[in-house]
C-alpha cells in the first residue's frame, strides 16, 4: 500500500500548529505564512 502525504489545501485563515523548531519548522512556517494561515508554533 502506498502512503501519500503531499496535498493541496486552502489554509487561508485556518488554524495550524507546527510542533518543533529548527530549520525544518522554519521552512514550514514560511510556507504557511504564504498561505495566510493562523500559525501556532510549539517548541520545547
N, C-alpha and C. Protein backbone atom coordinates (compact mmCIF):
# COMPACT_ATOMS: atom_id res chain seq x y z
N UNK A 1 0.84 -1.17 0.00
CA UNK A 1 0.00 0.00 0.00
C UNK A 1 0.89 1.24 0.00
N UNK A 2 0.59 2.20 -0.86
CA UNK A 2 1.35 3.43 -0.91
C UNK A 2 0.82 4.42 0.13
N UNK A 3 1.73 5.16 0.72
CA UNK A 3 1.35 6.21 1.66
C UNK A 3 1.56 7.55 0.99
N UNK A 4 0.51 8.35 0.86
CA UNK A 4 0.60 9.65 0.23
C UNK A 4 0.57 10.74 1.28
N UNK A 5 1.37 11.79 1.08
CA UNK A 5 1.39 12.91 2.01
C UNK A 5 1.08 14.25 1.36
N UNK A 6 1.77 14.64 0.29
CA UNK A 6 1.55 15.97 -0.28
C UNK A 6 0.10 16.18 -0.70
N UNK A 7 -0.46 17.29 -0.21
CA UNK A 7 -1.85 17.64 -0.54
C UNK A 7 -1.94 19.13 -0.83
N UNK A 8 -2.97 19.53 -1.51
CA UNK A 8 -3.23 20.94 -1.78
C UNK A 8 -4.47 21.32 -0.97
N UNK A 9 -4.28 22.20 0.00
CA UNK A 9 -5.36 22.60 0.88
C UNK A 9 -5.37 24.12 1.00
N UNK A 10 -6.55 24.72 0.94
CA UNK A 10 -6.68 26.15 1.15
C UNK A 10 -6.60 26.42 2.66
N UNK A 11 -5.49 26.98 3.13
CA UNK A 11 -5.29 27.22 4.55
C UNK A 11 -5.56 28.66 4.95
N UNK A 12 -6.06 29.46 4.03
CA UNK A 12 -6.33 30.87 4.33
C UNK A 12 -7.23 30.99 5.56
N UNK A 13 -6.71 31.63 6.63
CA UNK A 13 -7.48 31.84 7.84
C UNK A 13 -7.64 30.63 8.73
N UNK A 14 -7.07 29.50 8.36
CA UNK A 14 -7.19 28.28 9.16
C UNK A 14 -6.14 28.26 10.27
N UNK A 15 -6.48 27.65 11.39
CA UNK A 15 -5.53 27.48 12.50
C UNK A 15 -4.66 26.27 12.20
N UNK A 16 -3.35 26.48 12.30
CA UNK A 16 -2.39 25.42 12.02
C UNK A 16 -1.36 25.39 13.15
N UNK A 17 -0.99 24.20 13.59
CA UNK A 17 0.01 24.06 14.65
C UNK A 17 1.25 23.40 14.08
N UNK A 18 2.41 24.01 14.35
CA UNK A 18 3.70 23.43 13.99
C UNK A 18 4.37 23.07 15.30
N UNK A 19 4.71 21.80 15.46
CA UNK A 19 5.34 21.33 16.69
C UNK A 19 6.80 21.07 16.42
N UNK A 20 7.66 21.76 17.17
CA UNK A 20 9.10 21.61 17.00
C UNK A 20 9.71 22.88 16.44
N UNK A 21 11.01 22.90 16.39
CA UNK A 21 11.72 24.08 15.91
C UNK A 21 12.77 23.69 14.90
N UNK A 22 13.70 24.58 14.70
CA UNK A 22 14.79 24.30 13.78
C UNK A 22 14.48 24.72 12.36
N UNK A 23 15.37 24.35 11.47
CA UNK A 23 15.28 24.77 10.07
C UNK A 23 14.06 24.18 9.37
N UNK A 24 13.71 22.96 9.69
CA UNK A 24 12.55 22.33 9.04
C UNK A 24 11.27 23.06 9.44
N UNK A 25 11.11 23.33 10.72
CA UNK A 25 9.93 24.05 11.19
C UNK A 25 9.89 25.45 10.59
N UNK A 26 11.03 26.10 10.52
CA UNK A 26 11.10 27.45 9.94
C UNK A 26 10.63 27.44 8.49
N UNK A 27 11.07 26.44 7.75
CA UNK A 27 10.66 26.32 6.34
C UNK A 27 9.15 26.10 6.24
N UNK A 28 8.60 25.26 7.13
CA UNK A 28 7.16 25.00 7.10
C UNK A 28 6.37 26.25 7.47
N UNK A 29 6.85 26.99 8.47
CA UNK A 29 6.16 28.21 8.89
C UNK A 29 6.15 29.23 7.76
N UNK A 30 7.25 29.37 7.05
CA UNK A 30 7.31 30.31 5.93
C UNK A 30 6.26 29.96 4.88
N UNK A 31 6.13 28.68 4.57
CA UNK A 31 5.12 28.25 3.61
C UNK A 31 3.71 28.50 4.11
N UNK A 32 3.49 28.29 5.40
CA UNK A 32 2.17 28.53 5.98
C UNK A 32 1.84 30.01 6.01
N UNK A 33 2.86 30.85 6.22
CA UNK A 33 2.65 32.29 6.18
C UNK A 33 2.23 32.73 4.78
N UNK A 34 2.86 32.16 3.78
CA UNK A 34 2.49 32.47 2.39
C UNK A 34 1.06 32.06 2.09
N UNK A 35 0.60 30.99 2.76
CA UNK A 35 -0.77 30.52 2.58
C UNK A 35 -1.76 31.31 3.43
N UNK A 36 -1.25 32.27 4.24
CA UNK A 36 -2.07 33.13 5.10
C UNK A 36 -2.82 32.35 6.17
N UNK A 37 -2.17 31.30 6.71
CA UNK A 37 -2.75 30.52 7.80
C UNK A 37 -2.49 31.23 9.13
N UNK A 38 -3.31 30.92 10.14
CA UNK A 38 -3.08 31.38 11.51
C UNK A 38 -2.22 30.31 12.17
N UNK A 39 -0.97 30.65 12.50
CA UNK A 39 0.02 29.65 12.91
C UNK A 39 0.33 29.74 14.39
N UNK A 40 0.36 28.58 15.04
CA UNK A 40 0.85 28.46 16.41
C UNK A 40 2.04 27.52 16.36
N UNK A 41 3.17 27.96 16.95
CA UNK A 41 4.37 27.13 16.98
C UNK A 41 4.61 26.71 18.41
N UNK A 42 4.81 25.42 18.62
CA UNK A 42 5.10 24.86 19.94
C UNK A 42 6.51 24.29 19.90
N UNK A 43 7.38 24.89 20.72
CA UNK A 43 8.79 24.47 20.76
C UNK A 43 9.16 24.17 22.21
N UNK A 44 9.80 23.03 22.46
CA UNK A 44 10.20 22.73 23.84
C UNK A 44 11.24 23.73 24.36
